[in-house]
Protein backbone atom coordinates (compact mmCIF):
# COMPACT_ATOMS: atom_id res chain seq x y z
CA MET A 1 -152.94 170.68 21.76
CA ALA A 2 -151.24 167.40 20.96
CA GLN A 3 -149.14 165.89 23.71
CA GLN A 4 -145.42 165.56 23.29
CA GLN A 5 -143.73 162.28 22.47
CA GLY A 6 -140.73 161.04 24.44
CA ASP A 7 -137.65 159.40 22.98
CA ALA A 8 -138.39 155.67 22.92
CA GLU A 9 -134.65 154.85 23.14
CA GLU A 10 -134.02 157.05 26.16
CA LYS A 11 -133.04 155.24 29.36
CA PRO A 12 -134.88 156.15 32.56
CA THR A 13 -133.09 158.68 34.73
CA MET A 14 -135.82 159.05 37.37
CA ARG A 15 -137.68 156.59 39.59
CA LEU A 16 -141.31 156.90 40.66
CA PHE A 17 -142.80 154.98 43.58
CA TRP A 18 -146.06 154.02 41.99
CA SER A 19 -149.43 152.27 42.21
CA SER A 20 -152.03 151.71 39.53
CA ARG A 21 -154.77 152.51 42.04
CA SER A 22 -153.70 155.95 43.26
CA PRO A 23 -155.29 159.08 41.75
CA PHE A 24 -152.28 161.15 42.81
CA VAL A 25 -149.91 158.77 41.03
CA ARG A 26 -152.10 158.85 37.95
CA LYS A 27 -151.98 162.65 37.97
CA VAL A 28 -148.18 162.47 37.87
CA MET A 29 -148.18 159.87 35.09
CA VAL A 30 -150.67 161.82 32.96
CA THR A 31 -148.44 164.86 33.40
CA ALA A 32 -145.40 162.84 32.32
CA HIS A 33 -147.23 161.60 29.22
CA GLU A 34 -148.38 165.10 28.28
CA LEU A 35 -144.81 166.38 28.59
CA GLY A 36 -143.20 163.46 26.75
CA LEU A 37 -141.19 162.36 29.79
CA THR A 38 -142.42 158.81 30.39
CA SER A 39 -139.34 157.20 28.88
CA GLN A 40 -137.25 158.96 31.52
CA ILE A 41 -139.22 157.54 34.45
CA ALA A 42 -138.87 154.00 35.82
CA THR A 43 -141.82 152.98 37.99
CA GLN A 44 -141.52 150.95 41.18
CA ARG A 45 -144.80 149.45 42.36
CA VAL A 46 -145.40 149.69 46.10
CA ALA A 47 -148.36 148.79 48.29
CA VAL A 48 -148.61 151.16 51.24
CA GLY A 49 -151.22 152.43 53.65
CA ILE A 50 -151.73 153.95 57.07
CA VAL A 51 -150.14 150.93 58.79
CA ARG A 52 -148.50 149.32 55.76
CA LEU A 53 -144.93 150.52 55.35
CA ASP A 54 -142.36 150.01 52.59
CA ASP A 55 -138.67 150.22 53.50
CA ASP A 56 -137.50 151.49 50.11
CA LEU A 57 -140.16 154.18 50.04
CA MET A 58 -139.48 155.20 53.63
CA ALA A 59 -135.81 155.70 52.77
CA ALA A 60 -136.87 158.25 50.14
CA ASN A 61 -139.95 159.70 51.80
CA PRO A 62 -140.34 159.47 55.59
CA LEU A 63 -144.09 160.01 55.17
CA ASN A 64 -144.34 156.62 53.39
CA LYS A 65 -146.60 158.15 50.74
CA ILE A 66 -146.95 157.84 46.99
CA PRO A 67 -146.23 159.32 44.59
CA THR A 68 -142.58 159.93 45.42
CA LEU A 69 -140.16 160.76 42.61
CA VAL A 70 -136.39 160.29 42.83
CA THR A 71 -134.89 162.79 40.39
CA ARG A 72 -131.88 162.55 38.11
CA GLU A 73 -129.82 164.11 40.89
CA GLY A 74 -131.02 161.59 43.47
CA GLU A 75 -133.33 164.00 45.27
CA ALA A 76 -136.70 162.69 46.43
CA LEU A 77 -139.72 164.86 45.61
CA PHE A 78 -143.26 164.59 47.00
CA ASP A 79 -146.27 165.17 46.83
CA SER A 80 -148.00 165.10 43.41
CA ARG A 81 -148.16 168.91 43.20
CA VAL A 82 -144.42 169.23 43.69
CA ILE A 83 -143.64 166.37 41.30
CA CYS A 84 -145.86 167.72 38.52
CA ALA A 85 -144.33 171.18 38.83
CA TYR A 86 -140.86 169.65 38.69
CA LEU A 87 -141.67 167.63 35.57
CA ASP A 88 -143.07 170.71 33.88
CA SER A 89 -139.87 172.60 34.73
CA ILE A 90 -137.57 170.04 33.07
CA ALA A 91 -139.68 169.45 29.96
CA ASP A 92 -138.53 170.84 26.62
CA GLU A 93 -141.66 172.98 26.54
CA PRO A 94 -143.01 173.67 30.04
CA ARG A 95 -146.68 174.40 29.57
CA LEU A 96 -148.95 172.77 32.16
CA PHE A 97 -148.59 175.60 34.71
CA PRO A 98 -149.75 178.78 32.93
CA LEU A 99 -147.86 181.99 33.59
CA ASP A 100 -150.62 184.23 32.25
CA LYS A 101 -154.01 185.16 33.68
CA ASN A 102 -155.01 181.49 33.73
CA ARG A 103 -152.37 180.57 36.31
CA TRP A 104 -154.47 181.02 39.43
CA GLN A 105 -157.51 179.46 37.80
CA SER A 106 -155.49 176.33 36.96
CA LEU A 107 -153.95 176.12 40.45
CA ARG A 108 -157.35 176.57 42.07
CA MET A 109 -158.77 173.76 39.98
CA GLN A 110 -155.84 171.56 40.96
CA ALA A 111 -156.44 172.30 44.64
CA LEU A 112 -160.14 171.42 44.33
CA ALA A 113 -159.39 168.20 42.47
CA ASP A 114 -156.67 167.19 44.92
CA GLY A 115 -159.11 167.79 47.77
CA MET A 116 -161.66 165.58 46.02
CA MET A 117 -159.05 162.82 45.71
CA GLU A 118 -158.32 163.11 49.44
CA LEU A 119 -162.02 162.79 50.22
CA LEU A 120 -162.32 159.71 48.02
CA THR A 121 -159.32 158.19 49.80
CA LEU A 122 -160.89 158.99 53.17
CA ARG A 123 -164.04 157.12 52.16
CA LEU A 124 -161.97 154.13 51.11
CA PHE A 125 -160.24 154.05 54.49
CA GLU A 126 -163.61 154.22 56.24
CA ASN A 127 -164.83 151.30 54.13
CA ILE A 128 -162.05 149.02 55.35
CA ARG A 129 -162.84 149.63 59.00
CA PRO A 130 -164.55 146.69 60.74
CA GLU A 131 -168.33 146.71 60.58
CA GLY A 132 -169.70 148.67 63.49
CA LYS A 133 -166.67 150.95 63.64
CA GLN A 134 -167.32 152.89 60.47
CA TRP A 135 -168.44 156.47 60.97
CA ASP A 136 -171.43 157.23 58.77
CA ALA A 137 -170.98 160.96 59.34
CA VAL A 138 -167.58 160.81 57.64
CA HIS A 139 -169.08 159.17 54.55
CA GLY A 140 -171.93 161.66 54.48
CA ALA A 141 -169.75 164.73 54.83
CA ALA A 142 -167.28 163.45 52.24
CA ARG A 143 -170.06 162.77 49.72
CA THR A 144 -171.50 166.24 50.28
CA LYS A 145 -168.11 167.89 49.69
CA ILE A 146 -167.41 165.78 46.60
CA ALA A 147 -170.80 166.75 45.15
CA ALA A 148 -170.03 170.41 45.88
CA VAL A 149 -166.71 170.16 44.03
CA CYS A 150 -168.48 168.61 41.04
CA ASP A 151 -171.14 171.34 41.10
CA HIS A 152 -168.42 174.00 41.26
CA ALA A 153 -166.58 172.47 38.32
CA ASP A 154 -169.77 172.01 36.28
CA ALA A 155 -170.62 175.71 36.69
CA ARG A 156 -167.20 176.83 35.47
CA ILE A 157 -165.95 174.20 33.04
CA ALA A 158 -167.43 175.98 30.00
CA GLN A 159 -164.81 178.70 30.54
CA GLU A 160 -162.02 176.14 30.12
CA ASP A 161 -161.44 176.44 26.39
CA GLY A 162 -157.66 176.89 26.38
CA PRO A 163 -154.78 174.38 26.29
CA ILE A 164 -154.69 171.57 28.81
CA HIS A 165 -153.20 172.53 32.18
CA ILE A 166 -152.50 170.93 35.54
CA GLY A 167 -155.98 171.71 36.84
CA HIS A 168 -157.57 169.80 33.97
CA ILE A 169 -155.32 166.81 34.61
CA ALA A 170 -156.08 166.75 38.33
CA LEU A 171 -159.83 167.08 37.80
CA ALA A 172 -159.91 164.34 35.17
CA CYS A 173 -158.00 161.97 37.48
CA ALA A 174 -160.34 162.77 40.37
CA LEU A 175 -163.49 162.12 38.32
CA ALA A 176 -162.01 158.93 36.92
CA HIS A 177 -161.21 157.76 40.45
CA CYS A 178 -164.80 158.45 41.48
CA ASP A 179 -165.91 156.15 38.66
CA PHE A 180 -163.28 153.58 39.65
CA ARG A 181 -164.18 153.41 43.34
CA PHE A 182 -167.63 154.93 43.78
CA GLY A 183 -169.47 154.51 40.50
CA ALA A 184 -172.78 154.34 42.33
CA ASP A 185 -172.42 158.02 43.21
CA GLU A 186 -173.29 158.88 39.58
CA TRP A 187 -171.49 162.23 39.62
CA ARG A 188 -172.60 162.93 36.03
CA THR A 189 -176.27 163.29 36.98
CA GLY A 190 -177.38 166.91 36.65
CA ARG A 191 -173.95 168.08 35.47
CA PRO A 192 -174.06 168.13 31.65
CA GLY A 193 -171.19 170.56 31.21
CA LEU A 194 -168.76 168.61 33.36
CA THR A 195 -169.89 165.35 31.79
CA ALA A 196 -169.28 166.60 28.25
CA TRP A 197 -165.86 167.96 29.19
CA TYR A 198 -164.83 164.70 30.86
CA GLU A 199 -166.01 162.62 27.91
CA THR A 200 -163.48 164.51 25.79
CA ILE A 201 -160.49 164.54 28.11
CA ARG A 202 -160.78 160.93 29.24
CA PHE A 203 -159.91 159.75 25.73
CA ARG A 204 -156.65 161.67 25.52
CA PRO A 205 -153.77 159.22 25.00
CA SER A 206 -152.30 160.26 28.36
CA MET A 207 -155.49 159.26 30.17
CA VAL A 208 -155.98 156.04 28.25
CA ALA A 209 -152.40 154.95 28.94
CA THR A 210 -152.77 155.48 32.70
CA ALA A 211 -156.13 153.84 33.40
CA TYR A 212 -156.67 152.62 36.95
CA GLU A 213 -156.17 148.92 37.70
CA ASP A 214 -157.25 147.34 40.97
CA VAL A 215 -154.06 145.34 41.48
CA TYR A 216 -151.10 145.61 43.85
């Protein structure tokens, strides 16, 4: 299904606290592209972390986390699951959260993909610890879980022959982030079904327009 196109002349009515390096932010932006809502969203780049705070973001989200969306009504929404559901609800044709028998399948896939993103983020945090203070067991357990998610998706992706949904978007962003940060993991090895599926979805305009960039 072709993605919707937003009105190029429309002025932004929402504000997204944003980073080009976050898989959760990318999930929101891919959703916005698919729904034709990008022209309504102004992005505000922030650099945050466990001990790195941003005053503007904290005023909207006391957790100091991205993505955070300030809506047309001035309400702050977080996390990515809430934001994506909100965007789908205000689109002219809500369609990324199925209401039929595929609903729970799509939400389960989103949960798995979000968990994979969290594991990738955990590994990144471990990598920035001083040498000698990194916990190898954390890396090992995270890699094992990420591989299990990929195996799970590879075994089931052939059943995903319907329109794009939120689970597809989340999984694509998670796999792309694995390439972006941990390419040496070679998640494609031994997973032909998942590889073929990803090679199709990663060239959607919404994915191309939101590619990761390692900049603040």
